Amino acid sequence: MSNDEKARALGFNHVALEVGDIDAALEFYGRIFEVKLRGRGPRMAFIDMGDQFLAIAKTDKTHRDAERHFGLVVDDQAKALSAAEAAGAEFVGGTHNDFLDPWGNRFQVVEYGKIQFTKTKPVLEAM
């Protein structure tokens, strides 16, 4: 199949996380990051984080992520990690960059100056 026959992924629209309690999740994430509530339903909430959003879905069957995670770029890694510790996050992975929320979702927090991969040149030029 040639590239002309394939759709090109342009970026991520959002990440969806499963939590046991929407209100507790909003409070937990709000203690660590600057977030803005975009929308809310009985079993879903949406919070803006940078130029994307995080979808939070209520479920009765949360699980602990081992290696599956998403990397979140912040303006101050030390501040975010300190806030995560104060919020009761469990640090995993041995680097002190990765932590679990109370429902087992794994976050990795980095700064642009310290990341292995950055946005592509066309994306950076469009910003």
N, C-alpha and C. Protein backbone atom coordinates (compact mmCIF):
# COMPACT_ATOMS: atom_id res chain seq x y z
N MET A 1 0.85 -1.18 0.00
CA MET A 1 0.00 0.00 0.00
C MET A 1 0.90 1.24 0.00
N SER A 2 0.70 2.12 -0.93
CA SER A 2 1.52 3.33 -1.02
C SER A 2 1.07 4.36 0.00
N ASN A 3 1.94 5.33 0.27
CA ASN A 3 1.59 6.39 1.21
C ASN A 3 0.40 7.21 0.75
N ASP A 4 0.17 7.29 -0.56
CA ASP A 4 -0.98 8.02 -1.09
C ASP A 4 -2.30 7.37 -0.69
N GLU A 5 -2.27 6.11 -0.31
CA GLU A 5 -3.48 5.38 0.04
C GLU A 5 -3.73 5.33 1.55
N LYS A 6 -2.88 5.98 2.30
CA LYS A 6 -2.99 5.94 3.76
C LYS A 6 -3.29 7.33 4.31
N ALA A 7 -4.01 7.35 5.41
CA ALA A 7 -4.23 8.61 6.13
C ALA A 7 -2.98 8.92 6.94
N ARG A 8 -2.65 10.18 7.04
CA ARG A 8 -1.49 10.61 7.83
C ARG A 8 -1.97 11.11 9.18
N ALA A 9 -1.44 10.55 10.24
CA ALA A 9 -1.77 11.01 11.59
C ALA A 9 -1.14 12.38 11.79
N LEU A 10 -1.93 13.34 12.24
CA LEU A 10 -1.46 14.71 12.44
C LEU A 10 -1.09 15.01 13.88
N GLY A 11 -1.58 14.21 14.80
CA GLY A 11 -1.29 14.43 16.21
C GLY A 11 -2.35 13.79 17.06
N PHE A 12 -2.21 13.93 18.34
CA PHE A 12 -3.18 13.39 19.28
C PHE A 12 -4.21 14.46 19.61
N ASN A 13 -5.46 14.04 19.68
CA ASN A 13 -6.53 14.94 20.08
C ASN A 13 -6.70 14.93 21.60
N HIS A 14 -6.64 13.73 22.18
CA HIS A 14 -6.79 13.61 23.62
C HIS A 14 -6.28 12.25 24.08
N VAL A 15 -6.14 12.12 25.38
CA VAL A 15 -5.86 10.86 26.04
C VAL A 15 -7.04 10.61 26.97
N ALA A 16 -7.51 9.37 27.03
CA ALA A 16 -8.62 9.01 27.91
C ALA A 16 -8.09 8.12 29.03
N LEU A 17 -8.42 8.48 30.26
CA LEU A 17 -8.03 7.69 31.43
C LEU A 17 -9.26 7.17 32.13
N GLU A 18 -9.14 5.99 32.71
CA GLU A 18 -10.22 5.40 33.50
C GLU A 18 -9.94 5.66 34.98
N VAL A 19 -10.95 6.14 35.67
CA VAL A 19 -10.84 6.42 37.10
C VAL A 19 -12.07 5.88 37.81
N GLY A 20 -11.95 5.70 39.11
CA GLY A 20 -13.07 5.21 39.89
C GLY A 20 -14.00 6.31 40.38
N ASP A 21 -13.53 7.55 40.38
CA ASP A 21 -14.31 8.67 40.92
C ASP A 21 -13.93 9.95 40.17
N ILE A 22 -14.86 10.51 39.42
CA ILE A 22 -14.59 11.70 38.61
C ILE A 22 -14.19 12.89 39.48
N ASP A 23 -14.96 13.15 40.54
CA ASP A 23 -14.66 14.30 41.40
C ASP A 23 -13.28 14.17 42.04
N ALA A 24 -12.95 12.98 42.52
CA ALA A 24 -11.64 12.77 43.14
C ALA A 24 -10.53 12.92 42.11
N ALA A 25 -10.77 12.48 40.89
CA ALA A 25 -9.76 12.61 39.82
C ALA A 25 -9.54 14.08 39.48
N LEU A 26 -10.61 14.85 39.35
CA LEU A 26 -10.47 16.28 39.06
C LEU A 26 -9.69 16.98 40.16
N GLU A 27 -9.96 16.61 41.40
CA GLU A 27 -9.25 17.21 42.53
C GLU A 27 -7.78 16.80 42.51
N PHE A 28 -7.50 15.51 42.26
CA PHE A 28 -6.12 15.01 42.24
C PHE A 28 -5.31 15.69 41.14
N TYR A 29 -5.81 15.68 39.90
CA TYR A 29 -5.07 16.28 38.79
C TYR A 29 -4.93 17.79 38.98
N GLY A 30 -5.95 18.43 39.57
CA GLY A 30 -5.90 19.86 39.83
C GLY A 30 -4.90 20.26 40.89
N ARG A 31 -4.51 19.33 41.74
CA ARG A 31 -3.47 19.61 42.74
C ARG A 31 -2.08 19.59 42.12
N ILE A 32 -1.95 18.96 40.97
CA ILE A 32 -0.63 18.79 40.34
C ILE A 32 -0.43 19.74 39.16
N PHE A 33 -1.46 19.87 38.33
CA PHE A 33 -1.35 20.62 37.08
C PHE A 33 -2.38 21.75 37.05
N GLU A 34 -2.07 22.80 36.29
CA GLU A 34 -3.08 23.80 35.98
C GLU A 34 -4.02 23.17 34.96
N VAL A 35 -5.26 23.00 35.33
CA VAL A 35 -6.24 22.38 34.44
C VAL A 35 -7.48 23.25 34.38
N LYS A 36 -8.18 23.15 33.27
CA LYS A 36 -9.44 23.87 33.10
C LYS A 36 -10.49 22.86 32.66
N LEU A 37 -11.59 22.82 33.39
CA LEU A 37 -12.68 21.91 33.05
C LEU A 37 -13.32 22.35 31.75
N ARG A 38 -13.30 21.48 30.77
CA ARG A 38 -13.87 21.78 29.45
C ARG A 38 -15.33 21.34 29.38
N GLY A 39 -15.64 20.22 30.00
CA GLY A 39 -17.00 19.69 29.96
C GLY A 39 -17.14 18.56 30.96
N ARG A 40 -18.39 18.24 31.27
CA ARG A 40 -18.63 17.23 32.30
C ARG A 40 -19.95 16.54 32.05
N GLY A 41 -19.96 15.24 32.24
CA GLY A 41 -21.17 14.44 32.20
C GLY A 41 -21.18 13.53 33.41
N PRO A 42 -22.18 12.67 33.54
CA PRO A 42 -22.24 11.81 34.72
C PRO A 42 -21.09 10.81 34.82
N ARG A 43 -20.56 10.36 33.69
CA ARG A 43 -19.49 9.36 33.71
C ARG A 43 -18.23 9.81 32.97
N MET A 44 -18.18 11.08 32.57
CA MET A 44 -17.02 11.61 31.84
C MET A 44 -16.76 13.05 32.27
N ALA A 45 -15.50 13.43 32.22
CA ALA A 45 -15.11 14.83 32.38
C ALA A 45 -13.97 15.08 31.41
N PHE A 46 -13.84 16.31 31.00
CA PHE A 46 -12.81 16.69 30.03
C PHE A 46 -12.09 17.92 30.57
N ILE A 47 -10.76 17.83 30.67
CA ILE A 47 -9.99 18.96 31.16
C ILE A 47 -8.93 19.34 30.14
N ASP A 48 -8.81 20.65 29.92
CA ASP A 48 -7.77 21.16 29.02
C ASP A 48 -6.43 21.04 29.71
N MET A 49 -5.45 20.57 28.96
CA MET A 49 -4.06 20.50 29.42
C MET A 49 -3.21 20.93 28.24
N GLY A 50 -2.72 22.16 28.27
CA GLY A 50 -1.95 22.67 27.14
C GLY A 50 -2.85 22.81 25.93
N ASP A 51 -2.37 22.32 24.78
CA ASP A 51 -3.16 22.43 23.56
C ASP A 51 -3.96 21.16 23.27
N GLN A 52 -4.08 20.28 24.23
CA GLN A 52 -4.85 19.04 24.11
C GLN A 52 -5.83 18.98 25.27
N PHE A 53 -6.53 17.84 25.37
CA PHE A 53 -7.35 17.67 26.56
C PHE A 53 -7.28 16.24 27.05
N LEU A 54 -7.61 16.08 28.31
CA LEU A 54 -7.61 14.78 28.96
C LEU A 54 -9.06 14.41 29.21
N ALA A 55 -9.46 13.23 28.74
CA ALA A 55 -10.80 12.71 28.99
C ALA A 55 -10.71 11.76 30.18
N ILE A 56 -11.57 11.96 31.14
CA ILE A 56 -11.58 11.13 32.34
C ILE A 56 -12.89 10.36 32.35
N ALA A 57 -12.80 9.04 32.33
CA ALA A 57 -13.98 8.18 32.27
C ALA A 57 -14.13 7.39 33.56
N LYS A 58 -15.34 7.40 34.11
CA LYS A 58 -15.61 6.63 35.33
C LYS A 58 -15.80 5.17 34.97
N THR A 59 -15.13 4.31 35.73
CA THR A 59 -15.28 2.87 35.55
C THR A 59 -15.21 2.20 36.92
N ASP A 60 -15.77 1.02 36.99
CA ASP A 60 -15.70 0.25 38.23
C ASP A 60 -14.51 -0.71 38.20
N LYS A 61 -13.79 -0.75 37.08
CA LYS A 61 -12.71 -1.72 36.92
C LYS A 61 -11.40 -1.02 36.56
N THR A 62 -10.84 -0.29 37.48
CA THR A 62 -9.55 0.34 37.22
C THR A 62 -8.45 -0.70 37.36
N HIS A 63 -7.31 -0.43 36.76
CA HIS A 63 -6.17 -1.34 36.83
C HIS A 63 -4.88 -0.52 36.88
N ARG A 64 -3.84 -1.14 37.34
CA ARG A 64 -2.55 -0.47 37.49
C ARG A 64 -1.73 -0.68 36.22
N ASP A 65 -1.29 0.42 35.62
CA ASP A 65 -0.42 0.34 34.44
C ASP A 65 0.99 -0.02 34.88
N ALA A 66 1.61 -0.95 34.14
CA ALA A 66 2.99 -1.33 34.43
C ALA A 66 3.93 -0.45 33.61
N GLU A 67 3.92 -0.61 32.31
CA GLU A 67 4.77 0.20 31.43
C GLU A 67 3.96 1.19 30.59
N ARG A 68 2.67 0.89 30.36
CA ARG A 68 1.84 1.80 29.56
C ARG A 68 1.73 3.13 30.29
N HIS A 69 2.00 4.21 29.59
CA HIS A 69 1.97 5.53 30.19
C HIS A 69 1.83 6.56 29.07
N PHE A 70 1.68 7.81 29.45
CA PHE A 70 1.81 8.88 28.48
C PHE A 70 2.73 9.94 29.07
N GLY A 71 3.49 10.57 28.19
CA GLY A 71 4.42 11.61 28.62
C GLY A 71 3.77 12.97 28.51
N LEU A 72 3.84 13.72 29.58
CA LEU A 72 3.25 15.05 29.63
C LEU A 72 4.36 16.07 29.79
N VAL A 73 4.42 17.03 28.88
CA VAL A 73 5.43 18.08 28.95
C VAL A 73 4.90 19.22 29.82
N VAL A 74 5.71 19.63 30.79
CA VAL A 74 5.34 20.71 31.70
C VAL A 74 6.41 21.80 31.65
N ASP A 75 6.06 22.97 32.14
CA ASP A 75 7.03 24.07 32.16
C ASP A 75 7.99 23.97 33.33
N ASP A 76 7.63 23.22 34.37
CA ASP A 76 8.49 23.08 35.54
C ASP A 76 8.33 21.66 36.10
N GLN A 77 9.23 20.78 35.71
CA GLN A 77 9.16 19.38 36.10
C GLN A 77 9.26 19.22 37.62
N ALA A 78 10.18 19.92 38.24
CA ALA A 78 10.37 19.80 39.68
C ALA A 78 9.10 20.19 40.43
N LYS A 79 8.46 21.26 40.00
CA LYS A 79 7.22 21.71 40.64
C LYS A 79 6.11 20.67 40.47
N ALA A 80 5.99 20.10 39.27
CA ALA A 80 4.96 19.08 39.02
C ALA A 80 5.20 17.83 39.86
N LEU A 81 6.44 17.38 39.93
CA LEU A 81 6.74 16.17 40.69
C LEU A 81 6.57 16.40 42.18
N SER A 82 6.92 17.57 42.66
CA SER A 82 6.70 17.91 44.07
C SER A 82 5.21 17.93 44.40
N ALA A 83 4.42 18.52 43.51
CA ALA A 83 2.96 18.56 43.70
C ALA A 83 2.38 17.15 43.65
N ALA A 84 2.89 16.31 42.75
CA ALA A 84 2.41 14.92 42.66
C ALA A 84 2.70 14.18 43.96
N GLU A 85 3.88 14.39 44.50
CA GLU A 85 4.23 13.74 45.77
C GLU A 85 3.30 14.22 46.89
N ALA A 86 3.05 15.54 46.95
CA ALA A 86 2.16 16.10 47.97
C ALA A 86 0.73 15.60 47.81
N ALA A 87 0.33 15.31 46.57
CA ALA A 87 -1.02 14.80 46.31
C ALA A 87 -1.16 13.32 46.61
N GLY A 88 -0.03 12.65 46.92
CA GLY A 88 -0.09 11.24 47.27
C GLY A 88 0.18 10.29 46.11
N ALA A 89 0.75 10.79 45.02
CA ALA A 89 1.06 9.93 43.88
C ALA A 89 2.12 8.91 44.28
N GLU A 90 2.04 7.74 43.65
CA GLU A 90 3.04 6.70 43.87
C GLU A 90 4.06 6.76 42.75
N PHE A 91 5.31 6.99 43.08
CA PHE A 91 6.36 7.07 42.06
C PHE A 91 6.83 5.67 41.69
N VAL A 92 7.02 5.46 40.38
CA VAL A 92 7.42 4.15 39.86
C VAL A 92 8.50 4.33 38.80
N GLY A 93 9.16 3.26 38.45
CA GLY A 93 10.08 3.29 37.32
C GLY A 93 11.51 3.65 37.65
N GLY A 94 11.79 4.07 38.86
CA GLY A 94 13.16 4.33 39.27
C GLY A 94 13.74 5.66 38.82
N THR A 95 13.03 6.45 38.00
CA THR A 95 13.60 7.71 37.52
C THR A 95 13.03 8.93 38.23
N HIS A 96 11.99 8.75 39.00
CA HIS A 96 11.27 9.82 39.68
C HIS A 96 10.63 10.79 38.67
N ASN A 97 10.44 10.33 37.44
CA ASN A 97 9.68 11.08 36.44
C ASN A 97 8.29 10.49 36.26
N ASP A 98 8.11 9.25 36.66
CA ASP A 98 6.87 8.51 36.45
C ASP A 98 6.13 8.32 37.77
N PHE A 99 4.82 8.55 37.73
CA PHE A 99 4.01 8.29 38.92
C PHE A 99 2.65 7.76 38.51
N LEU A 100 2.00 7.11 39.47
CA LEU A 100 0.66 6.58 39.28
C LEU A 100 -0.33 7.46 40.01
N ASP A 101 -1.49 7.66 39.38
CA ASP A 101 -2.58 8.33 40.09
C ASP A 101 -3.26 7.28 40.98
N PRO A 102 -4.26 7.65 41.77
CA PRO A 102 -4.89 6.68 42.67
C PRO A 102 -5.56 5.50 41.96
N TRP A 103 -5.79 5.59 40.64
CA TRP A 103 -6.46 4.53 39.90
C TRP A 103 -5.49 3.72 39.04
N GLY A 104 -4.20 3.99 39.19
CA GLY A 104 -3.19 3.20 38.49
C GLY A 104 -2.77 3.73 37.14
N ASN A 105 -3.26 4.90 36.72
CA ASN A 105 -2.83 5.50 35.45
C ASN A 105 -1.42 6.06 35.63
N ARG A 106 -0.54 5.72 34.69
CA ARG A 106 0.86 6.12 34.81
C ARG A 106 1.16 7.36 33.98
N PHE A 107 1.68 8.37 34.64
CA PHE A 107 2.09 9.63 34.03
C PHE A 107 3.61 9.67 33.98
N GLN A 108 4.16 10.25 32.92
CA GLN A 108 5.58 10.56 32.87
C GLN A 108 5.67 12.07 32.62
N VAL A 109 6.38 12.77 33.47
CA VAL A 109 6.43 14.23 33.41
C VAL A 109 7.84 14.65 32.98
N VAL A 110 7.90 15.46 31.91
CA VAL A 110 9.18 15.93 31.38
C VAL A 110 9.08 17.41 31.01
N GLU A 111 10.23 18.03 30.83
CA GLU A 111 10.31 19.39 30.30
C GLU A 111 10.86 19.31 28.88
N TYR A 112 10.51 20.25 28.02
CA TYR A 112 10.99 20.22 26.63
C TYR A 112 12.51 20.19 26.55
N GLY A 113 13.20 20.89 27.42
CA GLY A 113 14.66 20.90 27.38
C GLY A 113 15.29 19.57 27.73
N LYS A 114 14.49 18.65 28.27
CA LYS A 114 15.03 17.37 28.74
C LYS A 114 14.39 16.17 28.05
N ILE A 115 13.68 16.38 26.94
CA ILE A 115 13.01 15.25 26.31
C ILE A 115 13.83 14.72 25.14
N GLN A 116 13.63 13.45 24.87
CA GLN A 116 14.37 12.79 23.79
C GLN A 116 13.84 13.20 22.43
N PHE A 117 12.53 13.32 22.30
CA PHE A 117 11.91 13.67 21.03
C PHE A 117 11.08 14.92 21.23
N THR A 118 11.12 15.82 20.30
CA THR A 118 10.33 17.04 20.38
C THR A 118 9.33 17.05 19.23
N LYS A 119 8.56 18.10 19.12
CA LYS A 119 7.63 18.24 18.01
C LYS A 119 8.43 18.36 16.71
N THR A 120 7.82 17.96 15.62
CA THR A 120 8.49 18.06 14.33
C THR A 120 8.65 19.53 13.94
N LYS A 121 9.57 19.80 13.05
CA LYS A 121 9.85 21.18 12.62
C LYS A 121 8.59 21.89 12.11
N PRO A 122 7.76 21.26 11.24
CA PRO A 122 6.55 21.96 10.78
C PRO A 122 5.59 22.32 11.92
N VAL A 123 5.48 21.45 12.93
CA VAL A 123 4.60 21.75 14.06
C VAL A 123 5.17 22.92 14.86
N LEU A 124 6.47 22.89 15.13
CA LEU A 124 7.09 23.99 15.87
C LEU A 124 6.96 25.31 15.14
N GLU A 125 7.10 25.29 13.81
CA GLU A 125 6.97 26.52 13.02
C GLU A 125 5.55 27.05 13.03
N ALA A 126 4.58 26.18 13.17
CA ALA A 126 3.17 26.59 13.18
C ALA A 126 2.72 27.12 14.54
N MET A 127 3.52 26.89 15.57
CA MET A 127 3.13 27.31 16.93
C MET A 127 3.36 28.80 17.13
